[in-house]
Amino acid sequence: MPAARHDWLANIFKNSSLIALSLITLPQDTFFLASSLVANVLIRDEVTKRRRLIRGTSTPYFEPKTILVTGVGMSKGLALARQFYAAGHNVIGADFEPYGALNPGRVSGSIRTFYSLTAPSAEHGSSRYIQSLLDIITHENVHLWVSCSGVASAVEDGAAKETIERLTSCRAIQFDISTTQTLHEKHSFIEHTASLGLNVPETHTVTSLDTALDILRRAQGTKQFILKSLVLDDAARGNMTLLPRPSWPETEEHLRTLRISVQTPWILQQYIHGPEYCTHTLVVRGSVRAFVACPSSDLLMHYEALPRESPLAQGMLDFTRKFAERQGETFTGHLSFDFLVREEDVREMEGRGGAAGSEVKLWPIECNPRAHTAVVLFRENPNMIAEYMDVLDGSKDAFTRLQQEKTIKANGASFTNGGMENPIIWPEQPQKYYWSGHDLMTSVLLPLISFLTSFATGKGDTLSAVLDDSSVFLKHLLFWKDGTFEIWDPWPWWWLYHWKEME
């Protein structure tokens, strides 16, 4: 069967399966939706109480601002929109709606008005996208734009920030275009980080097969590398083949299957054997204001915050603060890093019973100059919004705060103890997050299908494996929190799994 026809049939089967699953779970999910709506009528939820209190006469000095949050169709954008709403502000939501698919952000009770954005295109570049943002900002008199872009529009958001702040009084939580481009590209991020005097893994940009083979030939027997594509390539994204391969012919054969050229460059990055971690950070004028670190996973659909006092969390915070401070006072936006830690370093750290965070040797492998989904971990901490609003204040407050942080560091005080107030916002008693639809598919249905087909093929999951996966799903369902569902704002969750799947 031709590959194109096989892929077409696979997509048909995948989409049909998702629609069938949506229909099967529709009755019980609609029941949960209706129950939440009834509960909201009978019992006033904490978010509504907080919002009414803030906007009431008991807080006469509060002035609600108009906040534009883009990317509200994703969990990170929706989480921030809900946080601003709970803090008493007026929230405008916006996102792309490709092929007319109605965005889940449209139905959130936290969003006063939703706008569909014009996506950047090869024909018009980013001009129409930026103009659509400008139109919203001027029409709604937006004070603050909080960008929660995806990877496809990260650089365009940098260009939009410069235009918006030049033409309007609106401020943006977004890096400028030069900074965004530098941090967005893997090779330029590594080069820039090394120039700051921070630790990085050995990294080479390769644009030809011969160059890649030459580097690997010199590395034989001493270290290993992973090839990463510098262009958006979902197929290559999950390829973690270690190079050089056990034999040189295997190495050559693998590289020849890849399209390495000037038009499709790759990077060879030193392989660090050990666990991977990701972070989410809010930076205002070079000062870290909110921070969280958590273990990474293949699909990033499970989030559990590291304790703030853990050496790893403190080490990643220390790295992030050094990185942010060295960018200067124009450095404002969301920032996230992916780190690797050597397995032996983790064991040594655990054996010491916890050393100072700055002593943990971290290997940054990637930077995302945009909001990370891990921002959902801040759902229980309403104090984070005040840090965003500081962007609208005078630079004196930000400068004073930066000096305070430097003073605390100079005195050797801890950010988590020592009797001094912690100037950085961390998640407060964070829950563990998952996405129910994803877990239902990966932990229940796919293992079950694999088990049933094993009778015919002789290959597949065992009954024991199916039960183990199902128990994981049950644990998440009972004790973890869904990344989209809120009892006071249930519509986006229902919309995501039913209306959007049917479009």
Protein backbone atom coordinates (compact mmCIF):
# COMPACT_ATOMS: atom_id res chain seq x y z
CA MET A 1 0.00 0.00 0.00
CA PRO A 2 1.46 3.43 -0.92
CA ALA A 3 2.67 5.45 2.11
CA ALA A 4 0.38 8.41 1.33
CA ARG A 5 -2.72 6.18 1.21
CA HIS A 6 -1.64 4.44 4.42
CA ASP A 7 -1.28 7.81 6.22
CA TRP A 8 -4.66 8.94 4.88
CA LEU A 9 -6.37 5.80 6.17
CA ALA A 10 -4.58 6.13 9.53
CA ASN A 11 -5.86 9.70 9.90
CA ILE A 12 -9.40 8.63 8.98
CA PHE A 13 -9.28 5.88 11.62
CA LYS A 14 -7.82 8.23 14.24
CA ASN A 15 -10.42 10.96 13.66
CA SER A 16 -13.27 8.47 13.56
CA SER A 17 -12.10 6.93 16.82
CA LEU A 18 -11.96 10.34 18.53
CA ILE A 19 -15.47 11.21 17.32
CA ALA A 20 -16.78 7.84 18.52
CA LEU A 21 -15.12 8.32 21.91
CA SER A 22 -16.62 11.82 22.15
CA LEU A 23 -20.11 10.42 21.50
CA ILE A 24 -19.67 7.56 23.98
CA THR A 25 -18.58 9.87 26.80
CA LEU A 26 -21.05 12.65 25.92
CA PRO A 27 -23.87 11.59 28.33
CA GLN A 28 -21.72 11.39 31.47
CA ASP A 29 -19.72 14.51 30.60
CA THR A 30 -22.93 16.44 29.97
CA PHE A 31 -24.14 15.26 33.36
CA PHE A 32 -20.97 16.65 34.98
CA LEU A 33 -21.48 19.91 33.08
CA ALA A 34 -25.10 20.24 34.20
CA SER A 35 -24.19 19.36 37.80
CA SER A 36 -21.52 22.06 37.84
CA LEU A 37 -23.90 24.67 36.44
CA VAL A 38 -26.53 23.80 39.06
CA ALA A 39 -23.93 23.89 41.83
CA ASN A 40 -22.85 27.36 40.69
CA VAL A 41 -26.42 28.59 41.11
CA LEU A 42 -26.91 27.04 44.53
CA ILE A 43 -23.44 27.61 46.02
CA ARG A 44 -21.33 30.69 45.39
CA ASP A 45 -17.83 29.50 44.48
CA GLU A 46 -14.61 30.93 45.94
CA VAL A 47 -13.55 32.60 42.66
CA THR A 48 -16.81 34.54 42.40
CA LYS A 49 -16.59 35.52 46.08
CA ARG A 50 -13.02 36.76 45.61
CA ARG A 51 -13.87 38.74 42.49
CA ARG A 52 -16.88 40.43 44.13
CA LEU A 53 -14.85 41.22 47.24
CA ILE A 54 -12.04 42.79 45.22
CA ARG A 55 -14.39 44.86 43.10
CA GLY A 56 -16.60 45.82 46.06
CA THR A 57 -16.56 48.84 48.32
CA SER A 58 -14.16 47.11 50.71
CA THR A 59 -11.31 47.75 48.24
CA PRO A 60 -11.78 51.40 47.19
CA TYR A 61 -8.29 51.71 45.73
CA PHE A 62 -8.69 48.86 43.27
CA GLU A 63 -9.01 49.89 39.63
CA PRO A 64 -9.86 47.02 37.28
CA LYS A 65 -7.80 46.92 34.10
CA THR A 66 -8.63 45.46 30.72
CA ILE A 67 -6.39 42.49 30.00
CA LEU A 68 -6.02 40.81 26.61
CA VAL A 69 -4.95 37.16 26.89
CA THR A 70 -4.12 35.42 23.62
CA GLY A 71 -3.93 31.65 23.31
CA VAL A 72 -7.00 31.02 25.48
CA GLY A 73 -7.76 27.86 23.50
CA MET A 74 -4.76 26.29 25.24
CA SER A 75 -4.71 25.39 28.92
CA LYS A 76 -2.00 27.93 29.73
CA GLY A 77 -3.91 30.85 28.20
CA LEU A 78 -7.18 29.77 29.79
CA ALA A 79 -5.51 29.37 33.21
CA LEU A 80 -4.15 32.92 33.09
CA ALA A 81 -7.47 34.35 31.85
CA ARG A 82 -9.18 32.75 34.83
CA GLN A 83 -6.53 34.13 37.19
CA PHE A 84 -7.00 37.70 35.92
CA TYR A 85 -10.77 37.31 36.15
CA ALA A 86 -10.53 36.09 39.75
CA ALA A 87 -8.30 39.08 40.53
CA GLY A 88 -11.10 41.43 39.48
CA HIS A 89 -9.95 42.51 36.03
CA ASN A 90 -11.85 42.59 32.73
CA VAL A 91 -10.51 39.83 30.48
CA ILE A 92 -10.58 39.86 26.69
CA GLY A 93 -9.71 36.53 25.05
CA ALA A 94 -8.33 35.92 21.56
CA ASP A 95 -6.98 32.97 19.61
CA PHE A 96 -6.77 31.41 16.18
CA GLU A 97 -9.71 29.40 14.88
CA PRO A 98 -8.35 27.45 11.90
CA TYR A 99 -10.92 26.04 9.46
CA GLY A 100 -13.70 27.69 11.47
CA ALA A 101 -13.19 25.45 14.52
CA LEU A 102 -14.76 27.34 17.42
CA ASN A 103 -12.26 27.85 20.23
CA PRO A 104 -13.00 26.53 23.77
CA GLY A 105 -11.97 29.92 25.12
CA ARG A 106 -15.12 31.38 23.59
CA VAL A 107 -17.31 29.76 26.25
CA SER A 108 -15.27 30.53 29.35
CA GLY A 109 -17.10 32.54 32.00
CA SER A 110 -13.83 34.34 32.76
CA ILE A 111 -13.73 36.02 29.33
CA ARG A 112 -15.89 39.08 28.69
CA THR A 113 -15.37 39.11 24.91
CA PHE A 114 -13.63 36.68 22.56
CA TYR A 115 -12.00 37.61 19.25
CA SER A 116 -10.82 35.34 16.45
CA LEU A 117 -7.30 36.27 15.31
CA THR A 118 -5.99 36.35 11.76
CA ALA A 119 -3.14 33.83 11.63
CA PRO A 120 0.24 34.69 10.12
CA SER A 121 0.60 33.36 6.59
CA ALA A 122 3.24 32.91 3.91
CA GLU A 123 1.38 35.37 1.66
CA HIS A 124 0.89 38.22 4.14
CA GLY A 125 3.50 37.44 6.78
CA SER A 126 2.62 38.72 10.23
CA SER A 127 1.09 42.05 9.14
CA ARG A 128 -2.57 40.97 9.29
CA TYR A 129 -2.00 39.13 12.56
CA ILE A 130 -0.46 42.21 14.18
CA GLN A 131 -3.22 44.42 12.78
CA SER A 132 -5.88 42.15 14.28
CA LEU A 133 -4.20 42.51 17.69
CA LEU A 134 -4.01 46.29 17.29
CA ASP A 135 -7.69 46.45 16.37
CA ILE A 136 -8.66 44.56 19.54
CA ILE A 137 -6.39 46.65 21.74
CA THR A 138 -7.68 49.99 20.45
CA HIS A 139 -11.35 48.92 20.37
CA GLU A 140 -11.30 47.48 23.91
CA ASN A 141 -8.84 50.02 25.35
CA VAL A 142 -6.59 47.20 26.55
CA HIS A 143 -4.05 48.07 29.26
CA LEU A 144 -2.02 44.84 29.23
CA TRP A 145 -1.50 42.15 26.61
CA VAL A 146 -0.50 38.75 28.02
CA SER A 147 0.86 36.63 25.19
CA CYS A 148 0.39 32.87 25.52
CA SER A 149 1.47 32.00 22.02
CA GLY A 150 2.17 28.58 20.62
CA VAL A 151 5.42 27.66 18.92
CA ALA A 152 4.08 28.60 15.45
CA SER A 153 3.58 32.31 16.27
CA ALA A 154 6.29 32.92 18.87
CA VAL A 155 8.45 35.16 16.69
CA GLU A 156 5.43 37.01 15.28
CA ASP A 157 4.39 37.86 18.84
CA GLY A 158 7.80 39.48 19.33
CA ALA A 159 7.15 41.71 16.31
CA ALA A 160 3.63 42.43 17.58
CA LYS A 161 4.97 43.52 20.99
CA GLU A 162 7.23 46.14 19.40
CA THR A 163 4.44 47.51 17.20
CA ILE A 164 1.82 47.56 19.97
CA GLU A 165 4.04 49.31 22.50
CA ARG A 166 5.16 51.85 19.88
CA LEU A 167 1.68 52.76 18.67
CA THR A 168 -0.45 52.38 21.84
CA SER A 169 -0.20 52.78 25.61
CA CYS A 170 -0.77 49.04 26.06
CA ARG A 171 2.11 47.11 27.62
CA ALA A 172 2.97 43.51 26.77
CA ILE A 173 4.14 40.41 28.62
CA GLN A 174 6.27 39.39 25.66
CA PHE A 175 9.92 39.63 24.65
CA ASP A 176 10.92 41.74 21.64
CA ILE A 177 11.54 40.12 18.28
CA SER A 178 15.34 39.95 18.55
CA THR A 179 15.23 38.29 21.98
CA THR A 180 12.45 35.92 20.93
CA GLN A 181 14.32 34.80 17.82
CA THR A 182 17.55 34.23 19.77
CA LEU A 183 15.90 32.16 22.48
CA HIS A 184 13.46 30.36 20.17
CA GLU A 185 16.18 28.78 18.01
CA LYS A 186 18.05 25.95 19.73
CA HIS A 187 21.49 26.79 18.35
CA SER A 188 21.34 30.54 19.02
CA PHE A 189 20.00 29.92 22.53
CA ILE A 190 22.95 27.67 23.38
CA GLU A 191 25.43 30.18 21.92
CA HIS A 192 23.82 33.06 23.80
CA THR A 193 23.72 31.15 27.09
CA ALA A 194 27.41 30.21 26.75
CA SER A 195 28.22 33.89 26.12
CA LEU A 196 26.64 34.71 29.49
CA GLY A 197 29.09 32.37 31.20
CA LEU A 198 26.45 29.75 32.02
CA ASN A 199 26.86 26.00 31.62
CA VAL A 200 25.71 24.41 28.31
CA PRO A 201 26.11 21.01 26.65
CA GLU A 202 28.42 20.72 23.64
CA THR A 203 26.35 21.73 20.61
CA HIS A 204 27.09 21.94 16.87
CA THR A 205 24.97 23.27 14.03
CA VAL A 206 25.29 20.95 11.02
CA THR A 207 24.21 21.68 7.46
CA SER A 208 25.76 18.74 5.67
CA LEU A 209 26.14 14.99 6.10
CA ASP A 210 29.94 15.22 5.99
CA THR A 211 30.08 17.77 8.82
CA ALA A 212 27.89 15.59 11.04
CA LEU A 213 29.96 12.48 10.31
CA ASP A 214 33.21 14.34 11.03
CA ILE A 215 32.00 15.51 14.47
CA LEU A 216 30.74 12.04 15.37
CA ARG A 217 33.94 10.39 14.18
CA ARG A 218 35.96 12.53 16.60
CA ALA A 219 33.51 11.77 19.43
CA GLN A 220 33.67 7.97 19.11
CA GLY A 221 34.31 6.33 22.45
CA THR A 222 34.16 9.59 24.46
CA LYS A 223 30.64 11.03 24.26
CA GLN A 224 27.32 10.65 22.49
CA PHE A 225 25.04 13.12 20.72
CA ILE A 226 21.40 13.53 19.69
CA LEU A 227 20.39 15.13 16.39
CA LYS A 228 17.61 17.74 16.59
CA SER A 229 15.96 19.41 13.63
CA LEU A 230 16.00 23.22 13.57
CA VAL A 231 12.80 23.34 11.54
CA LEU A 232 9.34 22.33 12.72
CA ASP A 233 9.29 18.57 12.14
CA ASP A 234 6.95 16.48 14.29
CA ALA A 235 8.38 13.23 12.90
CA ALA A 236 11.94 14.18 13.87
CA ARG A 237 10.91 15.63 17.23
CA GLY A 238 10.58 12.24 18.91
CA ASN A 239 13.72 10.73 17.35
CA MET A 240 16.18 10.29 20.23
CA THR A 241 18.67 8.02 18.47
CA LEU A 242 22.05 8.13 20.23
CA LEU A 243 25.00 8.85 17.97
CA PRO A 244 27.48 7.44 17.10
CA ARG A 245 25.67 4.12 16.78
CA PRO A 246 27.39 0.90 18.02
CA SER A 247 29.04 0.49 14.60
CA TRP A 248 30.15 3.14 12.13
CA PRO A 249 28.13 1.71 9.20
CA GLU A 250 25.00 1.99 11.39
CA THR A 251 25.86 5.63 12.10
CA GLU A 252 26.26 6.45 8.41
CA GLU A 253 23.08 4.60 7.52
CA HIS A 254 21.05 6.52 10.10
CA LEU A 255 22.35 9.92 9.04
CA ARG A 256 21.64 9.21 5.37
CA THR A 257 17.95 8.79 6.20
CA LEU A 258 17.83 12.42 7.39
CA ARG A 259 17.66 15.48 5.19
CA ILE A 260 20.64 17.50 6.42
CA SER A 261 21.28 20.58 4.31
CA VAL A 262 21.59 24.36 4.45
CA GLN A 263 17.81 24.56 3.92
CA THR A 264 17.10 21.99 6.66
CA PRO A 265 19.81 22.45 9.31
CA TRP A 266 20.14 20.26 12.40
CA ILE A 267 22.05 20.50 15.66
CA LEU A 268 24.17 17.80 17.23
CA GLN A 269 23.79 18.17 20.98
CA GLN A 270 25.74 16.31 23.62
CA TYR A 271 23.64 13.60 25.24
CA ILE A 272 23.31 13.91 29.01
CA HIS A 273 22.05 10.71 30.62
CA GLY A 274 19.62 11.63 33.36
CA PRO A 275 16.17 13.00 34.18
CA GLU A 276 14.72 16.01 32.35
CA TYR A 277 12.96 18.96 33.97
CA CYS A 278 11.00 21.93 32.69
CA THR A 279 10.28 25.34 34.20
CA HIS A 280 7.87 28.25 33.83
CA THR A 281 8.92 31.77 34.76
CA LEU A 282 7.43 35.25 34.70
CA VAL A 283 10.14 37.86 34.21
CA VAL A 284 9.51 41.60 34.60
CA ARG A 285 12.34 43.97 33.67
CA GLY A 286 15.01 41.35 34.22
CA SER A 287 13.58 40.26 37.58
CA VAL A 288 12.11 36.79 38.16
CA ARG A 289 8.64 37.28 39.67
CA ALA A 290 7.06 33.82 39.51
CA PHE A 291 8.75 30.45 39.10
CA VAL A 292 7.97 26.74 39.12
CA ALA A 293 9.94 23.64 38.13
CA CYS A 294 8.60 20.17 37.48
CA PRO A 295 9.70 16.82 36.04
CA SER A 296 9.33 16.62 32.29
CA SER A 297 7.60 13.87 30.31
CA ASP A 298 7.37 12.79 26.69
CA LEU A 299 4.04 14.47 25.91
CA LEU A 300 4.00 17.01 28.79
CA MET A 301 0.46 16.06 29.81
CA HIS A 302 1.20 15.48 33.50
CA TYR A 303 2.45 18.22 35.82
CA GLU A 304 3.68 17.96 39.39
CA ALA A 305 5.64 20.83 40.92
CA LEU A 306 8.98 20.19 42.58
CA PRO A 307 9.02 21.41 46.20
CA ARG A 308 10.41 24.94 46.28
CA GLU A 309 13.02 23.95 48.86
CA SER A 310 14.39 21.09 46.75
CA PRO A 311 18.00 21.53 45.56
CA LEU A 312 16.91 20.97 41.96
CA ALA A 313 14.21 23.65 42.07
CA GLN A 314 16.56 26.11 43.75
CA GLY A 315 19.29 25.29 41.22
CA MET A 316 16.98 25.92 38.27
CA LEU A 317 15.75 29.14 39.88
CA ASP A 318 19.34 30.28 40.39
CA PHE A 319 20.15 29.61 36.73
CA THR A 320 16.99 31.41 35.57
CA ARG A 321 17.67 34.47 37.72
CA LYS A 322 21.24 34.78 36.47
CA PHE A 323 20.03 34.42 32.88
CA ALA A 324 17.23 36.99 33.28
CA GLU A 325 19.28 39.59 35.15
CA ARG A 326 21.99 39.55 32.49
CA GLN A 327 19.44 40.53 29.81
CA GLY A 328 18.77 43.93 31.36
CA GLU A 329 15.62 45.87 32.34
CA THR A 330 13.96 45.52 28.93
CA PHE A 331 13.64 41.76 29.48
CA THR A 332 9.92 41.17 30.19
CA GLY A 333 7.93 38.08 29.26
CA HIS A 334 7.32 34.41 29.91
CA LEU A 335 10.37 32.17 29.94
CA SER A 336 10.76 28.41 30.23
CA PHE A 337 13.80 26.15 30.13
CA ASP A 338 14.31 22.44 29.63
CA PHE A 339 17.12 21.06 31.79
CA LEU A 340 18.93 17.75 32.02
CA VAL A 341 20.72 16.54 35.16
CA ARG A 342 23.22 13.69 35.13
CA GLU A 343 21.94 10.54 36.80
CA GLU A 344 25.07 10.30 38.95
CA ASP A 345 24.69 13.94 40.06
CA VAL A 346 21.11 13.24 41.19
CA ARG A 347 22.25 10.21 43.20
CA GLU A 348 25.09 12.19 44.78
CA MET A 349 22.74 15.05 45.67
CA GLU A 350 20.27 12.65 47.27
CA GLY A 351 23.12 11.02 49.17
CA ARG A 352 24.14 14.39 50.64
CA GLY A 353 20.60 14.91 51.85
CA GLY A 354 20.14 18.12 49.87
CA ALA A 355 22.88 20.58 49.00
CA ALA A 356 22.59 24.23 48.08
CA GLY A 357 20.70 24.68 44.85
CA SER A 358 23.50 26.58 43.14
CA GLU A 359 25.74 23.51 43.47
CA VAL A 360 23.50 21.39 41.25
CA LYS A 361 25.05 21.12 37.79
CA LEU A 362 22.32 21.75 35.23
CA TRP A 363 22.47 21.29 31.49
CA PRO A 364 20.03 23.59 29.66
CA ILE A 365 19.05 22.04 26.34
CA GLU A 366 16.23 24.26 25.14
CA CYS A 367 14.49 27.55 25.87
CA ASN A 368 10.90 28.51 25.07
CA PRO A 369 10.43 32.30 25.21
CA ARG A 370 6.72 31.95 25.90
CA ALA A 371 4.31 30.70 28.55
CA HIS A 372 4.59 27.03 29.51
CA THR A 373 1.61 24.82 30.30
CA ALA A 374 3.13 24.38 33.77
CA VAL A 375 1.57 27.77 34.58
CA VAL A 376 -1.56 25.77 35.53
CA LEU A 377 0.31 24.87 38.73
CA PHE A 378 -0.24 28.46 39.92
CA ARG A 379 -4.01 28.01 39.87
CA GLU A 380 -4.18 28.04 43.68
CA ASN A 381 -2.01 31.17 44.06
CA PRO A 382 -3.86 34.43 43.26
CA ASN A 383 -0.84 36.55 44.26
CA MET A 384 0.84 35.97 40.90
CA ILE A 385 -1.43 38.48 39.10
CA ALA A 386 0.00 41.39 41.10
CA GLU A 387 3.37 40.61 39.52
CA TYR A 388 1.88 40.95 36.04
CA MET A 389 0.25 44.26 36.95
CA ASP A 390 3.63 45.65 38.02
CA VAL A 391 4.39 45.99 34.31
CA LEU A 392 1.93 48.90 34.29
CA ASP A 393 3.65 50.62 37.23
CA GLY A 394 6.65 52.94 37.08
CA SER A 395 10.11 51.47 36.56
CA LYS A 396 11.13 52.67 40.05
CA ASP A 397 9.17 49.87 41.75
CA ALA A 398 10.70 47.24 39.48
CA PHE A 399 14.18 48.66 40.01
CA THR A 400 13.70 48.75 43.79
CA ARG A 401 12.55 45.14 43.75
CA LEU A 402 15.55 44.08 41.68
CA GLN A 403 17.85 45.79 44.16
CA GLN A 404 16.05 44.01 47.00
CA GLU A 405 16.69 40.65 45.34
CA LYS A 406 20.37 41.51 44.84
CA THR A 407 20.67 42.56 48.50
CA ILE A 408 19.14 39.31 49.71
CA LYS A 409 21.52 37.32 47.52
CA ALA A 410 24.53 39.37 48.64
CA ASN A 411 23.67 38.67 52.25
CA GLY A 412 23.48 34.97 51.54
CA ALA A 413 19.88 34.70 52.67
CA SER A 414 17.62 31.96 51.42
CA PHE A 415 14.58 32.74 49.33
CA THR A 416 12.56 30.17 51.21
CA ASN A 417 13.61 30.65 54.80
CA GLY A 418 15.80 32.75 57.05
CA GLY A 419 12.93 35.00 58.13
CA MET A 420 13.03 37.13 54.97
CA GLU A 421 10.05 37.58 52.70
CA ASN A 422 10.29 35.56 49.52
CA PRO A 423 10.13 38.03 46.60
CA ILE A 424 9.36 35.26 44.10
CA ILE A 425 5.90 33.73 43.72
CA TRP A 426 5.74 29.94 43.82
CA PRO A 427 2.66 27.69 43.52
CA GLU A 428 0.92 27.39 46.88
CA GLN A 429 0.21 23.77 47.82
CA PRO A 430 -0.04 22.89 44.12
CA GLN A 431 -2.18 20.01 43.02
CA LYS A 432 -1.09 17.49 40.41
CA TYR A 433 -2.52 18.04 36.94
CA TYR A 434 -3.55 15.79 34.09
CA TRP A 435 -5.94 15.95 31.12
CA SER A 436 -8.79 13.48 31.44
CA GLY A 437 -9.37 12.97 27.71
CA HIS A 438 -5.71 12.28 27.05
CA ASP A 439 -5.40 9.86 29.96
CA LEU A 440 -8.59 8.04 29.03
CA MET A 441 -7.15 7.38 25.59
CA THR A 442 -3.53 6.55 26.54
CA SER A 443 -4.08 4.75 29.85
CA VAL A 444 -7.34 2.91 29.19
CA LEU A 445 -8.45 2.59 25.57
CA LEU A 446 -5.13 2.12 23.76
CA PRO A 447 -3.82 -0.51 26.22
CA LEU A 448 -7.18 -2.30 26.05
CA ILE A 449 -7.13 -2.31 22.22
CA SER A 450 -3.54 -3.56 22.30
CA PHE A 451 -4.53 -6.38 24.66
CA LEU A 452 -7.53 -7.43 22.55
CA THR A 453 -5.58 -7.41 19.28
CA SER A 454 -2.82 -9.49 20.89
CA PHE A 455 -5.06 -12.56 20.55
CA ALA A 456 -4.88 -12.22 16.78
CA THR A 457 -1.35 -10.85 16.33
CA GLY A 458 0.48 -12.45 19.24
CA LYS A 459 1.87 -9.02 20.16
CA GLY A 460 0.43 -6.43 22.50
CA ASP A 461 -0.18 -5.50 26.12
CA THR A 462 -0.76 -8.16 28.74
CA LEU A 463 -3.80 -8.10 31.04
CA SER A 464 -1.50 -7.12 33.92
CA ALA A 465 -0.24 -4.11 31.95
CA VAL A 466 -3.81 -3.07 31.10
CA LEU A 467 -4.80 -3.21 34.77
CA ASP A 468 -1.71 -1.21 35.78
CA ASP A 469 -2.46 1.52 33.22
CA SER A 470 -6.12 1.62 34.27
CA SER A 471 -5.15 2.02 37.92
CA VAL A 472 -2.99 5.02 36.96
CA PHE A 473 -5.99 6.60 35.23
CA LEU A 474 -8.19 5.93 38.25
CA LYS A 475 -5.62 7.52 40.57
CA HIS A 476 -5.47 10.63 38.38
CA LEU A 477 -9.26 10.79 38.16
CA LEU A 478 -9.68 10.62 41.95
CA PHE A 479 -6.69 12.54 43.27
CA TRP A 480 -5.33 14.76 40.49
CA LYS A 481 -6.92 17.83 38.90
CA ASP A 482 -7.92 18.19 35.26
CA GLY A 483 -5.95 20.95 33.52
CA THR A 484 -9.05 22.41 31.84
CA PHE A 485 -11.98 21.70 34.16
CA GLU A 486 -13.14 24.19 36.80
CA ILE A 487 -16.44 23.66 38.58
CA TRP A 488 -17.21 27.39 38.34
CA ASP A 489 -16.23 27.48 34.65
CA PRO A 490 -17.02 24.02 33.20
CA TRP A 491 -17.93 24.93 29.62
CA PRO A 492 -14.39 25.00 28.11
CA TRP A 493 -13.74 21.45 29.36
CA TRP A 494 -16.98 20.11 27.83
CA TRP A 495 -16.43 22.12 24.64
CA LEU A 496 -12.88 20.79 24.19
CA TYR A 497 -13.87 17.12 24.24
CA HIS A 498 -17.21 17.26 22.48
CA TRP A 499 -17.98 20.30 20.37
CA LYS A 500 -14.42 20.76 19.12
CA GLU A 501 -13.99 17.04 18.40
CA MET A 502 -17.14 17.06 16.29
CA GLU A 503 -16.06 19.99 14.10
